[in-house]
Amino acid sequence: MSKQAKITKDASTGVSEGTVVRLVRDFLTRHGKGLDSLLERFPGVSGAAYRGALEKHLSEPATMTEDLILALEHAVDTLLALQGADCRVLEADEGPSIQVDAGVRWYAARFSDLAQAARRM
């Protein structure tokens, strides 16, 4: 027997409820460890705590969307503030190909995309 779930759509957007949460969860599942690894390079920033702060908003359904949007926007601001900041080099960072600022901008852009999508859904 298959597992079935009722899908409820938002009448104003036509998008199923919970889509924003699913998108953010999927992103953190796929790219969360990379974010943690990137943030390891910055003293005083804990990647796991950073990701945990975002994940906290995925489990509070009552005010979830607005709080999640604010958390995503805060994540963007925090990441962009790290551009050009002093960072330590890890053992995995051998050679001139280290692109920490590019990684910071990539994650900031993805969080910005998710926040923008959440505002529209």
PDB file of N, CA and C in Angstrom:
ATOM      1  N   MET A   1       0.844  -1.169   0.000  1.00  0.00           N
ATOM      2  CA  MET A   1       0.000   0.000   0.000  1.00  0.00           C
ATOM      3  C   MET A   1       0.891   1.234   0.000  1.00  0.00           C
ATOM      4  N   SER A   2       0.582   2.199  -0.828  1.00  0.00           N
ATOM      5  CA  SER A   2       1.403   3.403  -0.931  1.00  0.00           C
ATOM      6  C   SER A   2       1.012   4.420   0.131  1.00  0.00           C
ATOM      7  N   LYS A   3       1.955   5.249   0.448  1.00  0.00           N
ATOM      8  CA  LYS A   3       1.742   6.302   1.428  1.00  0.00           C
ATOM      9  C   LYS A   3       1.234   7.529   0.682  1.00  0.00           C
ATOM     10  N   GLN A   4       0.067   8.021   1.067  1.00  0.00           N
ATOM     11  CA  GLN A   4      -0.510   9.164   0.387  1.00  0.00           C
ATOM     12  C   GLN A   4      -0.560  10.355   1.331  1.00  0.00           C
ATOM     13  N   ALA A   5      -0.425  11.525   0.762  1.00  0.00           N
ATOM     14  CA  ALA A   5      -0.496  12.745   1.545  1.00  0.00           C
ATOM     15  C   ALA A   5      -1.415  13.726   0.833  1.00  0.00           C
ATOM     16  N   LYS A   6      -2.168  14.454   1.611  1.00  0.00           N
ATOM     17  CA  LYS A   6      -3.046  15.468   1.053  1.00  0.00           C
ATOM     18  C   LYS A   6      -2.221  16.722   0.787  1.00  0.00           C
ATOM     19  N   ILE A   7      -2.298  17.228  -0.416  1.00  0.00           N
ATOM     20  CA  ILE A   7      -1.578  18.434  -0.788  1.00  0.00           C
ATOM     21  C   ILE A   7      -2.563  19.589  -0.782  1.00  0.00           C
ATOM     22  N   THR A   8      -2.260  20.588   0.010  1.00  0.00           N
ATOM     23  CA  THR A   8      -3.102  21.769   0.108  1.00  0.00           C
ATOM     24  C   THR A   8      -2.408  22.916  -0.603  1.00  0.00           C
ATOM     25  N   LYS A   9      -3.138  23.554  -1.513  1.00  0.00           N
ATOM     26  CA  LYS A   9      -2.561  24.670  -2.263  1.00  0.00           C
ATOM     27  C   LYS A   9      -3.021  25.993  -1.674  1.00  0.00           C
ATOM     28  N   ASP A  10      -2.134  26.961  -1.731  1.00  0.00           N
ATOM     29  CA  ASP A  10      -2.461  28.330  -1.341  1.00  0.00           C
ATOM     30  C   ASP A  10      -3.315  28.901  -2.465  1.00  0.00           C
ATOM     31  N   ALA A  11      -4.501  29.370  -2.129  1.00  0.00           N
ATOM     32  CA  ALA A  11      -5.433  29.856  -3.146  1.00  0.00           C
ATOM     33  C   ALA A  11      -4.898  31.082  -3.894  1.00  0.00           C
ATOM     34  N   SER A  12      -4.101  31.905  -3.230  1.00  0.00           N
ATOM     35  CA  SER A  12      -3.622  33.128  -3.870  1.00  0.00           C
ATOM     36  C   SER A  12      -2.448  32.888  -4.825  1.00  0.00           C
ATOM     37  N   THR A  13      -1.674  31.834  -4.600  1.00  0.00           N
ATOM     38  CA  THR A  13      -0.504  31.595  -5.448  1.00  0.00           C
ATOM     39  C   THR A  13      -0.604  30.326  -6.278  1.00  0.00           C
ATOM     40  N   GLY A  14      -1.412  29.377  -5.847  1.00  0.00           N
ATOM     41  CA  GLY A  14      -1.514  28.099  -6.541  1.00  0.00           C
ATOM     42  C   GLY A  14      -0.376  27.151  -6.227  1.00  0.00           C
ATOM     43  N   VAL A  15       0.473  27.534  -5.291  1.00  0.00           N
ATOM     44  CA  VAL A  15       1.630  26.720  -4.896  1.00  0.00           C
ATOM     45  C   VAL A  15       1.244  25.932  -3.659  1.00  0.00           C
ATOM     46  N   SER A  16       1.673  24.685  -3.610  1.00  0.00           N
ATOM     47  CA  SER A  16       1.317  23.873  -2.460  1.00  0.00           C
ATOM     48  C   SER A  16       1.977  24.406  -1.191  1.00  0.00           C
ATOM     49  N   GLU A  17       1.237  24.320  -0.080  1.00  0.00           N
ATOM     50  CA  GLU A  17       1.754  24.771   1.209  1.00  0.00           C
ATOM     51  C   GLU A  17       2.947  23.905   1.584  1.00  0.00           C
ATOM     52  N   GLY A  18       3.903  24.496   2.199  1.00  0.00           N
ATOM     53  CA  GLY A  18       5.083  23.751   2.604  1.00  0.00           C
ATOM     54  C   GLY A  18       6.172  23.702   1.554  1.00  0.00           C
ATOM     55  N   THR A  19       5.937  24.300   0.393  1.00  0.00           N
ATOM     56  CA  THR A  19       6.938  24.278  -0.667  1.00  0.00           C
ATOM     57  C   THR A  19       8.205  25.006  -0.249  1.00  0.00           C
ATOM     58  N   VAL A  20       8.046  26.144   0.406  1.00  0.00           N
ATOM     59  CA  VAL A  20       9.211  26.918   0.843  1.00  0.00           C
ATOM     60  C   VAL A  20      10.059  26.099   1.803  1.00  0.00           C
ATOM     61  N   VAL A  21       9.408  25.483   2.762  1.00  0.00           N
ATOM     62  CA  VAL A  21      10.123  24.665   3.746  1.00  0.00           C
ATOM     63  C   VAL A  21      10.843  23.512   3.055  1.00  0.00           C
ATOM     64  N   ARG A  22      10.166  22.872   2.116  1.00  0.00           N
ATOM     65  CA  ARG A  22      10.778  21.755   1.391  1.00  0.00           C
ATOM     66  C   ARG A  22      11.999  22.218   0.611  1.00  0.00           C
ATOM     67  N   LEU A  23      11.908  23.363  -0.054  1.00  0.00           N
ATOM     68  CA  LEU A  23      13.028  23.877  -0.834  1.00  0.00           C
ATOM     69  C   LEU A  23      14.238  24.186   0.060  1.00  0.00           C
ATOM     70  N   VAL A  24      13.984  24.826   1.195  1.00  0.00           N
ATOM     71  CA  VAL A  24      15.085  25.174   2.098  1.00  0.00           C
ATOM     72  C   VAL A  24      15.685  23.912   2.706  1.00  0.00           C
ATOM     73  N   ARG A  25      14.819  22.972   3.122  1.00  0.00           N
ATOM     74  CA  ARG A  25      15.334  21.703   3.671  1.00  0.00           C
ATOM     75  C   ARG A  25      16.185  20.962   2.643  1.00  0.00           C
ATOM     76  N   ASP A  26      15.693  20.888   1.419  1.00  0.00           N
ATOM     77  CA  ASP A  26      16.443  20.205   0.359  1.00  0.00           C
ATOM     78  C   ASP A  26      17.799  20.873   0.127  1.00  0.00           C
ATOM     79  N   PHE A  27      17.806  22.196   0.099  1.00  0.00           N
ATOM     80  CA  PHE A  27      19.054  22.916  -0.106  1.00  0.00           C
ATOM     81  C   PHE A  27      20.036  22.628   1.026  1.00  0.00           C
ATOM     82  N   LEU A  28      19.566  22.694   2.268  1.00  0.00           N
ATOM     83  CA  LEU A  28      20.456  22.449   3.402  1.00  0.00           C
ATOM     84  C   LEU A  28      20.933  20.999   3.446  1.00  0.00           C
ATOM     85  N   THR A  29      20.082  20.079   3.011  1.00  0.00           N
ATOM     86  CA  THR A  29      20.498  18.676   2.962  1.00  0.00           C
ATOM     87  C   THR A  29      21.614  18.485   1.938  1.00  0.00           C
ATOM     88  N   ARG A  30      21.454  19.094   0.769  1.00  0.00           N
ATOM     89  CA  ARG A  30      22.446  18.933  -0.294  1.00  0.00           C
ATOM     90  C   ARG A  30      23.720  19.740  -0.062  1.00  0.00           C
ATOM     91  N   HIS A  31      23.585  20.948   0.478  1.00  0.00           N
ATOM     92  CA  HIS A  31      24.724  21.865   0.520  1.00  0.00           C
ATOM     93  C   HIS A  31      25.127  22.301   1.929  1.00  0.00           C
ATOM     94  N   GLY A  32      24.466  21.784   2.947  1.00  0.00           N
ATOM     95  CA  GLY A  32      24.761  22.204   4.315  1.00  0.00           C
ATOM     96  C   GLY A  32      26.170  21.893   4.766  1.00  0.00           C
ATOM     97  N   LYS A  33      26.676  20.730   4.412  1.00  0.00           N
ATOM     98  CA  LYS A  33      28.035  20.369   4.820  1.00  0.00           C
ATOM     99  C   LYS A  33      29.072  21.254   4.129  1.00  0.00           C
ATOM    100  N   GLY A  34      28.812  21.630   2.904  1.00  0.00           N
ATOM    101  CA  GLY A  34      29.707  22.544   2.209  1.00  0.00           C
ATOM    102  C   GLY A  34      29.712  23.919   2.856  1.00  0.00           C
ATOM    103  N   LEU A  35      28.545  24.364   3.292  1.00  0.00           N
ATOM    104  CA  LEU A  35      28.447  25.634   4.003  1.00  0.00           C
ATOM    105  C   LEU A  35      29.226  25.562   5.308  1.00  0.00           C
ATOM    106  N   ASP A  36      29.052  24.465   6.038  1.00  0.00           N
ATOM    107  CA  ASP A  36      29.801  24.276   7.291  1.00  0.00           C
ATOM    108  C   ASP A  36      31.299  24.340   7.030  1.00  0.00           C
ATOM    109  N   SER A  37      31.736  23.662   5.993  1.00  0.00           N
ATOM    110  CA  SER A  37      33.157  23.621   5.643  1.00  0.00           C
ATOM    111  C   SER A  37      33.676  25.007   5.286  1.00  0.00           C
ATOM    112  N   LEU A  38      32.896  25.751   4.541  1.00  0.00           N
ATOM    113  CA  LEU A  38      33.291  27.108   4.164  1.00  0.00           C
ATOM    114  C   LEU A  38      33.419  27.997   5.399  1.00  0.00           C
ATOM    115  N   LEU A  39      32.452  27.906   6.289  1.00  0.00           N
ATOM    116  CA  LEU A  39      32.444  28.772   7.466  1.00  0.00           C
ATOM    117  C   LEU A  39      33.497  28.390   8.490  1.00  0.00           C
ATOM    118  N   GLU A  40      34.042  27.169   8.401  1.00  0.00           N
ATOM    119  CA  GLU A  40      35.138  26.756   9.292  1.00  0.00           C
ATOM    120  C   GLU A  40      36.334  27.679   9.150  1.00  0.00           C
ATOM    121  N   ARG A  41      36.464  28.312   8.022  1.00  0.00           N
ATOM    122  CA  ARG A  41      37.624  29.150   7.749  1.00  0.00           C
ATOM    123  C   ARG A  41      37.579  30.484   8.487  1.00  0.00           C
ATOM    124  N   PHE A  42      36.415  30.845   9.003  1.00  0.00           N
ATOM    125  CA  PHE A  42      36.252  32.136   9.659  1.00  0.00           C
ATOM    126  C   PHE A  42      36.173  31.954  11.172  1.00  0.00           C
ATOM    127  N   PRO A  43      37.143  32.515  11.899  1.00  0.00           N
ATOM    128  CA  PRO A  43      37.106  32.397  13.358  1.00  0.00           C
ATOM    129  C   PRO A  43      35.841  33.077  13.904  1.00  0.00           C
ATOM    130  N   GLY A  44      35.228  32.463  14.849  1.00  0.00           N
ATOM    131  CA  GLY A  44      34.041  33.044  15.469  1.00  0.00           C
ATOM    132  C   GLY A  44      32.739  32.704  14.771  1.00  0.00           C
ATOM    133  N   VAL A  45      32.792  31.999  13.652  1.00  0.00           N
ATOM    134  CA  VAL A  45      31.566  31.601  12.951  1.00  0.00           C
ATOM    135  C   VAL A  45      31.499  30.086  12.969  1.00  0.00           C
ATOM    136  N   SER A  46      30.454  29.558  13.565  1.00  0.00           N
ATOM    137  CA  SER A  46      30.269  28.113  13.602  1.00  0.00           C
ATOM    138  C   SER A  46      29.280  27.720  12.516  1.00  0.00           C
ATOM    139  N   GLY A  47      29.743  26.954  11.555  1.00  0.00           N
ATOM    140  CA  GLY A  47      28.872  26.539  10.450  1.00  0.00           C
ATOM    141  C   GLY A  47      27.674  25.753  10.916  1.00  0.00           C
ATOM    142  N   ALA A  48      27.876  24.836  11.866  1.00  0.00           N
ATOM    143  CA  ALA A  48      26.766  24.016  12.355  1.00  0.00           C
ATOM    144  C   ALA A  48      25.740  24.882  13.083  1.00  0.00           C
ATOM    145  N   ALA A  49      26.204  25.842  13.867  1.00  0.00           N
ATOM    146  CA  ALA A  49      25.277  26.736  14.571  1.00  0.00           C
ATOM    147  C   ALA A  49      24.546  27.630  13.577  1.00  0.00           C
ATOM    148  N   TYR A  50      25.256  28.063  12.558  1.00  0.00           N
ATOM    149  CA  TYR A  50      24.682  28.913  11.515  1.00  0.00           C
ATOM    150  C   TYR A  50      23.555  28.177  10.798  1.00  0.00           C
ATOM    151  N   ARG A  51      23.859  26.938  10.404  1.00  0.00           N
ATOM    152  CA  ARG A  51      22.851  26.116   9.722  1.00  0.00           C
ATOM    153  C   ARG A  51      21.715  25.772  10.671  1.00  0.00           C
ATOM    154  N   GLY A  52      22.031  25.503  11.933  1.00  0.00           N
ATOM    155  CA  GLY A  52      21.008  25.190  12.927  1.00  0.00           C
ATOM    156  C   GLY A  52      20.026  26.326  13.123  1.00  0.00           C
ATOM    157  N   ALA A  53      20.528  27.559  13.052  1.00  0.00           N
ATOM    158  CA  ALA A  53      19.649  28.725  13.192  1.00  0.00           C
ATOM    159  C   ALA A  53      18.628  28.776  12.055  1.00  0.00           C
ATOM    160  N   LEU A  54      19.051  28.387  10.863  1.00  0.00           N
ATOM    161  CA  LEU A  54      18.109  28.338   9.737  1.00  0.00           C
ATOM    162  C   LEU A  54      17.128  27.175   9.903  1.00  0.00           C
ATOM    163  N   GLU A  55      17.646  26.018  10.287  1.00  0.00           N
ATOM    164  CA  GLU A  55      16.799  24.834  10.429  1.00  0.00           C
ATOM    165  C   GLU A  55      15.748  25.000  11.525  1.00  0.00           C
ATOM    166  N   LYS A  56      16.054  25.814  12.521  1.00  0.00           N
ATOM    167  CA  LYS A  56      15.100  26.065  13.610  1.00  0.00           C
ATOM    168  C   LYS A  56      13.786  26.623  13.053  1.00  0.00           C
ATOM    169  N   HIS A  57      13.888  27.445  12.043  1.00  0.00           N
ATOM    170  CA  HIS A  57      12.700  28.072  11.457  1.00  0.00           C
ATOM    171  C   HIS A  57      11.892  27.114  10.584  1.00  0.00           C
ATOM    172  N   LEU A  58      12.437  25.947  10.302  1.00  0.00           N
ATOM    173  CA  LEU A  58      11.719  24.970   9.488  1.00  0.00           C
ATOM    174  C   LEU A  58      10.774  24.124  10.330  1.00  0.00           C
ATOM    175  N   SER A  59      10.879  24.223  11.633  1.00  0.00           N
ATOM    176  CA  SER A  59      10.049  23.388  12.501  1.00  0.00           C
ATOM    177  C   SER A  59       8.988  24.171  13.254  1.00  0.00           C
ATOM    178  N   GLU A  60       8.847  25.451  12.969  1.00  0.00           N
ATOM    179  CA  GLU A  60       7.847  26.280  13.633  1.00  0.00           C
ATOM    180  C   GLU A  60       6.800  26.730  12.613  1.00  0.00           C
ATOM    181  N   PRO A  61       5.766  25.907  12.384  1.00  0.00           N
ATOM    182  CA  PRO A  61       4.836  26.191  11.288  1.00  0.00           C
ATOM    183  C   PRO A  61       3.977  27.442  11.440  1.00  0.00           C
ATOM    184  N   ALA A  62       3.702  27.890  12.650  1.00  0.00           N
ATOM    185  CA  ALA A  62       2.768  29.004  12.841  1.00  0.00           C
ATOM    186  C   ALA A  62       3.248  30.284  12.150  1.00  0.00           C
ATOM    187  N   THR A  63       4.452  30.692  12.404  1.00  0.00           N
ATOM    188  CA  THR A  63       4.970  31.931  11.816  1.00  0.00           C
ATOM    189  C   THR A  63       6.127  31.630  10.885  1.00  0.00           C
ATOM    190  N   MET A  64       6.162  30.417  10.413  1.00  0.00           N
ATOM    191  CA  MET A  64       7.301  29.892   9.696  1.00  0.00           C
ATOM    192  C   MET A  64       7.737  30.731   8.501  1.00  0.00           C
ATOM    193  N   THR A  65       6.851  31.068   7.621  1.00  0.00           N
ATOM    194  CA  THR A  65       7.270  31.699   6.376  1.00  0.00           C
ATOM    195  C   THR A  65       7.925  33.048   6.619  1.00  0.00           C
ATOM    196  N   GLU A  66       7.302  33.923   7.391  1.00  0.00           N
ATOM    197  CA  GLU A  66       7.875  35.246   7.640  1.00  0.00           C
ATOM    198  C   GLU A  66       9.198  35.137   8.387  1.00  0.00           C
ATOM    199  N   ASP A  67       9.238  34.299   9.424  1.00  0.00           N
ATOM    200  CA  ASP A  67      10.477  34.123  10.177  1.00  0.00           C
ATOM    201  C   ASP A  67      11.557  33.487   9.322  1.00  0.00           C
ATOM    202  N   LEU A  68      11.181  32.552   8.483  1.00  0.00           N
ATOM    203  CA  LEU A  68      12.142  31.898   7.608  1.00  0.00           C
ATOM    204  C   LEU A  68      12.718  32.894   6.605  1.00  0.00           C
ATOM    205  N   ILE A  69      11.879  33.750   6.061  1.00  0.00           N
ATOM    206  CA  ILE A  69      12.353  34.777   5.126  1.00  0.00           C
ATOM    207  C   ILE A  69      13.361  35.692   5.821  1.00  0.00           C
ATOM    208  N   LEU A  70      13.028  36.124   7.038  1.00  0.00           N
ATOM    209  CA  LEU A  70      13.946  36.986   7.785  1.00  0.00           C
ATOM    210  C   LEU A  70      15.257  36.266   8.092  1.00  0.00           C
ATOM    211  N   ALA A  71      15.174  34.983   8.442  1.00  0.00           N
ATOM    212  CA  ALA A  71      16.385  34.200   8.730  1.00  0.00           C
ATOM    213  C   ALA A  71      17.245  34.055   7.481  1.00  0.00           C
ATOM    214  N   LEU A  72      16.619  33.826   6.339  1.00  0.00           N
ATOM    215  CA  LEU A  72      17.365  33.708   5.080  1.00  0.00           C
ATOM    216  C   LEU A  72      18.031  35.033   4.715  1.00  0.00           C
ATOM    217  N   GLU A  73      17.304  36.143   4.894  1.00  0.00           N
ATOM    218  CA  GLU A  73      17.872  37.455   4.594  1.00  0.00           C
ATOM    219  C   GLU A  73      19.027  37.775   5.539  1.00  0.00           C
ATOM    220  N   HIS A  74      18.888  37.391   6.802  1.00  0.00           N
ATOM    221  CA  HIS A  74      19.971  37.587   7.767  1.00  0.00           C
ATOM    222  C   HIS A  74      21.190  36.748   7.364  1.00  0.00           C
ATOM    223  N   ALA A  75      20.940  35.536   6.887  1.00  0.00           N
ATOM    224  CA  ALA A  75      22.031  34.667   6.424  1.00  0.00           C
ATOM    225  C   ALA A  75      22.770  35.319   5.261  1.00  0.00           C
ATOM    226  N   VAL A  76      22.038  35.925   4.351  1.00  0.00           N
ATOM    227  CA  VAL A  76      22.654  36.616   3.212  1.00  0.00           C
ATOM    228  C   VAL A  76      23.542  37.753   3.707  1.00  0.00           C
ATOM    229  N   ASP A  77      23.004  38.575   4.608  1.00  0.00           N
ATOM    230  CA  ASP A  77      23.769  39.706   5.137  1.00  0.00           C
ATOM    231  C   ASP A  77      25.033  39.244   5.850  1.00  0.00           C
ATOM    232  N   THR A  78      24.901  38.193   6.654  1.00  0.00           N
ATOM    233  CA  THR A  78      26.051  37.668   7.391  1.00  0.00           C
ATOM    234  C   THR A  78      27.116  37.148   6.446  1.00  0.00           C
ATOM    235  N   LEU A  79      26.701  36.397   5.444  1.00  0.00           N
ATOM    236  CA  LEU A  79      27.668  35.859   4.485  1.00  0.00           C
ATOM    237  C   LEU A  79      28.368  36.969   3.707  1.00  0.00           C
ATOM    238  N   LEU A  80      27.607  37.952   3.245  1.00  0.00           N
ATOM    239  CA  LEU A  80      28.217  39.026   2.474  1.00  0.00           C
ATOM    240  C   LEU A  80      29.186  39.847   3.321  1.00  0.00           C
ATOM    241  N   ALA A  81      28.935  39.924   4.618  1.00  0.00           N
ATOM    242  CA  ALA A  81      29.856  40.630   5.511  1.00  0.00           C
ATOM    243  C   ALA A  81      31.194  39.897   5.638  1.00  0.00           C
ATOM    244  N   LEU A  82      31.201  38.606   5.324  1.00  0.00           N
ATOM    245  CA  LEU A  82      32.442  37.825   5.415  1.00  0.00           C
ATOM    246  C   LEU A  82      33.355  38.002   4.205  1.00  0.00           C
ATOM    247  N   GLN A  83      32.839  38.612   3.138  1.00  0.00           N
ATOM    248  CA  GLN A  83      33.659  38.795   1.942  1.00  0.00           C
ATOM    249  C   GLN A  83      34.890  39.618   2.272  1.00  0.00           C
ATOM    250  N   GLY A  84      36.024  39.131   1.894  1.00  0.00           N
ATOM    251  CA  GLY A  84      37.265  39.851   2.107  1.00  0.00           C
ATOM    252  C   GLY A  84      37.777  39.790   3.536  1.00  0.00           C
ATOM    253  N   ALA A  85      37.040  39.119   4.423  1.00  0.00           N
ATOM    254  CA  ALA A  85      37.478  39.006   5.808  1.00  0.00           C
ATOM    255  C   ALA A  85      38.650  38.041   5.905  1.00  0.00           C
ATOM    256  N   ASP A  86      39.442  38.223   6.933  1.00  0.00           N
ATOM    257  CA  ASP A  86      40.550  37.293   7.154  1.00  0.00           C
ATOM    258  C   ASP A  86      39.993  35.921   7.458  1.00  0.00           C
ATOM    259  N   CYS A  87      40.543  34.944   6.798  1.00  0.00           N
ATOM    260  CA  CYS A  87      40.111  33.575   7.052  1.00  0.00           C
ATOM    261  C   CYS A  87      41.332  32.690   7.128  1.00  0.00           C
ATOM    262  N   ARG A  88      41.205  31.623   7.864  1.00  0.00           N
ATOM    263  CA  ARG A  88      42.341  30.709   7.983  1.00  0.00           C
ATOM    264  C   ARG A  88      42.286  29.692   6.844  1.00  0.00           C
ATOM    265  N   VAL A  89      43.420  29.216   6.486  1.00  0.00           N
ATOM    266  CA  VAL A  89      43.537  28.239   5.405  1.00  0.00           C
ATOM    267  C   VAL A  89      43.528  26.846   6.027  1.00  0.00           C
ATOM    268  N   LEU A  90      42.719  25.974   5.479  1.00  0.00           N
ATOM    269  CA  LEU A  90      42.635  24.604   5.959  1.00  0.00           C
ATOM    270  C   LEU A  90      43.542  23.706   5.132  1.00  0.00           C
ATOM    271  N   GLU A  91      43.790  22.506   5.624  1.00  0.00           N
ATOM    272  CA  GLU A  91      44.644  21.555   4.907  1.00  0.00           C
ATOM    273  C   GLU A  91      44.116  21.264   3.505  1.00  0.00           C
ATOM    274  N   ALA A  92      42.814  21.264   3.357  1.00  0.00           N
ATOM    275  CA  ALA A  92      42.206  20.962   2.054  1.00  0.00           C
ATOM    276  C   ALA A  92      42.397  22.092   1.046  1.00  0.00           C
ATOM    277  N   ASP A  93      42.850  23.246   1.522  1.00  0.00           N
ATOM    278  CA  ASP A  93      42.973  24.431   0.667  1.00  0.00           C
ATOM    279  C   ASP A  93      44.343  24.560   0.027  1.00  0.00           C
ATOM    280  N   GLU A  94      44.839  23.513  -0.547  1.00  0.00           N
ATOM    281  CA  GLU A  94      46.154  23.566  -1.170  1.00  0.00           C
ATOM    282  C   GLU A  94      46.064  24.204  -2.547  1.00  0.00           C
ATOM    283  N   GLY A  95      47.072  24.968  -2.879  1.00  0.00           N
ATOM    284  CA  GLY A  95      47.149  25.562  -4.213  1.00  0.00           C
ATOM    285  C   GLY A  95      46.441  26.898  -4.304  1.00  0.00           C
ATOM    286  N   PRO A  96      46.611  27.556  -5.422  1.00  0.00           N
ATOM    287  CA  PRO A  96      46.047  28.898  -5.600  1.00  0.00           C
ATOM    288  C   PRO A  96      44.566  28.892  -5.984  1.00  0.00           C
ATOM    289  N   SER A  97      43.940  27.735  -6.035  1.00  0.00           N
ATOM    290  CA  SER A  97      42.558  27.676  -6.520  1.00  0.00           C
ATOM    291  C   SER A  97      41.523  27.951  -5.430  1.00  0.00           C
ATOM    292  N   ILE A  98      41.956  28.305  -4.220  1.00  0.00           N
ATOM    293  CA  ILE A  98      40.995  28.561  -3.152  1.00  0.00           C
ATOM    294  C   ILE A  98      40.166  29.802  -3.504  1.00  0.00           C
ATOM    295  N   GLN A  99      38.889  29.654  -3.458  1.00  0.00           N
ATOM    296  CA  GLN A  99      37.969  30.725  -3.833  1.00  0.00           C
ATOM    297  C   GLN A  99      36.946  30.942  -2.722  1.00  0.00           C
ATOM    298  N   VAL A 100      37.410  31.353  -1.562  1.00  0.00           N
ATOM    299  CA  VAL A 100      36.525  31.511  -0.412  1.00  0.00           C
ATOM    300  C   VAL A 100      35.458  32.567  -0.684  1.00  0.00           C
ATOM    301  N   ASP A 101      35.858  33.726  -1.219  1.00  0.00           N
ATOM    302  CA  ASP A 101      34.880  34.779  -1.493  1.00  0.00           C
ATOM    303  C   ASP A 101      33.825  34.326  -2.496  1.00  0.00           C
ATOM    304  N   ALA A 102      34.234  33.564  -3.490  1.00  0.00           N
ATOM    305  CA  ALA A 102      33.264  33.049  -4.473  1.00  0.00           C
ATOM    306  C   ALA A 102      32.283  32.104  -3.793  1.00  0.00           C
ATOM    307  N   GLY A 103      32.756  31.283  -2.881  1.00  0.00           N
ATOM    308  CA  GLY A 103      31.884  30.380  -2.136  1.00  0.00           C
ATOM    309  C   GLY A 103      30.909  31.139  -1.263  1.00  0.00           C
ATOM    310  N   VAL A 104      31.406  32.166  -0.599  1.00  0.00           N
ATOM    311  CA  VAL A 104      30.542  33.000   0.248  1.00  0.00           C
ATOM    312  C   VAL A 104      29.453  33.643  -0.599  1.00  0.00           C
ATOM    313  N   ARG A 105      29.830  34.193  -1.752  1.00  0.00           N
ATOM    314  CA  ARG A 105      28.841  34.831  -2.632  1.00  0.00           C
ATOM    315  C   ARG A 105      27.837  33.815  -3.172  1.00  0.00           C
ATOM    316  N   TRP A 106      28.294  32.597  -3.474  1.00  0.00           N
ATOM    317  CA  TRP A 106      27.395  31.573  -4.004  1.00  0.00           C
ATOM    318  C   TRP A 106      26.320  31.221  -2.980  1.00  0.00           C
ATOM    319  N   TYR A 107      26.727  30.967  -1.739  1.00  0.00           N
ATOM    320  CA  TYR A 107      25.745  30.643  -0.705  1.00  0.00           C
ATOM    321  C   TYR A 107      24.821  31.825  -0.441  1.00  0.00           C
ATOM    322  N   ALA A 108      25.367  33.034  -0.423  1.00  0.00           N
ATOM    323  CA  ALA A 108      24.531  34.222  -0.216  1.00  0.00           C
ATOM    324  C   ALA A 108      23.492  34.343  -1.334  1.00  0.00           C
ATOM    325  N   ALA A 109      23.906  34.096  -2.560  1.00  0.00           N
ATOM    326  CA  ALA A 109      22.979  34.177  -3.696  1.00  0.00           C
ATOM    327  C   ALA A 109      21.880  33.125  -3.586  1.00  0.00           C
ATOM    328  N   ARG A 110      22.235  31.908  -3.186  1.00  0.00           N
ATOM    329  CA  ARG A 110      21.231  30.853  -3.061  1.00  0.00           C
ATOM    330  C   ARG A 110      20.229  31.180  -1.952  1.00  0.00           C
ATOM    331  N   PHE A 111      20.723  31.680  -0.808  1.00  0.00           N
ATOM    332  CA  PHE A 111      19.808  32.052   0.274  1.00  0.00           C
ATOM    333  C   PHE A 111      18.918  33.215  -0.155  1.00  0.00           C
ATOM    334  N   SER A 112      19.470  34.134  -0.925  1.00  0.00           N
ATOM    335  CA  SER A 112      18.675  35.248  -1.445  1.00  0.00           C
ATOM    336  C   SER A 112      17.598  34.725  -2.391  1.00  0.00           C
ATOM    337  N   ASP A 113      17.951  33.769  -3.249  1.00  0.00           N
ATOM    338  CA  ASP A 113      16.973  33.159  -4.159  1.00  0.00           C
ATOM    339  C   ASP A 113      15.843  32.489  -3.376  1.00  0.00           C
ATOM    340  N   LEU A 114      16.209  31.764  -2.320  1.00  0.00           N
ATOM    341  CA  LEU A 114      15.200  31.072  -1.505  1.00  0.00           C
ATOM    342  C   LEU A 114      14.286  32.071  -0.796  1.00  0.00           C
ATOM    343  N   ALA A 115      14.851  33.166  -0.281  1.00  0.00           N
ATOM    344  CA  ALA A 115      14.040  34.189   0.389  1.00  0.00           C
ATOM    345  C   ALA A 115      13.086  34.847  -0.595  1.00  0.00           C
ATOM    346  N   GLN A 116      13.575  35.134  -1.797  1.00  0.00           N
ATOM    347  CA  GLN A 116      12.735  35.742  -2.821  1.00  0.00           C
ATOM    348  C   GLN A 116      11.606  34.786  -3.232  1.00  0.00           C
ATOM    349  N   ALA A 117      11.912  33.518  -3.386  1.00  0.00           N
ATOM    350  CA  ALA A 117      10.888  32.537  -3.728  1.00  0.00           C
ATOM    351  C   ALA A 117       9.852  32.433  -2.603  1.00  0.00           C
ATOM    352  N   ALA A 118      10.304  32.472  -1.374  1.00  0.00           N
ATOM    353  CA  ALA A 118       9.385  32.382  -0.235  1.00  0.00           C
ATOM    354  C   ALA A 118       8.432  33.576  -0.198  1.00  0.00           C
ATOM    355  N   ARG A 119       8.929  34.750  -0.564  1.00  0.00           N
ATOM    356  CA  ARG A 119       8.065  35.934  -0.579  1.00  0.00           C
ATOM    357  C   ARG A 119       6.965  35.822  -1.626  1.00  0.00           C
ATOM    358  N   ARG A 120       7.235  35.086  -2.696  1.00  0.00           N
ATOM    359  CA  ARG A 120       6.272  34.974  -3.789  1.00  0.00           C
ATOM    360  C   ARG A 120       5.280  33.822  -3.606  1.00  0.00           C
ATOM    361  N   MET A 121       5.580  32.925  -2.663  1.00  0.00           N
ATOM    362  CA  MET A 121       4.718  31.747  -2.507  1.00  0.00           C
ATOM    363  C   MET A 121       3.693  31.942  -1.428  1.00  0.00           C
TER     364      MET A 121
END
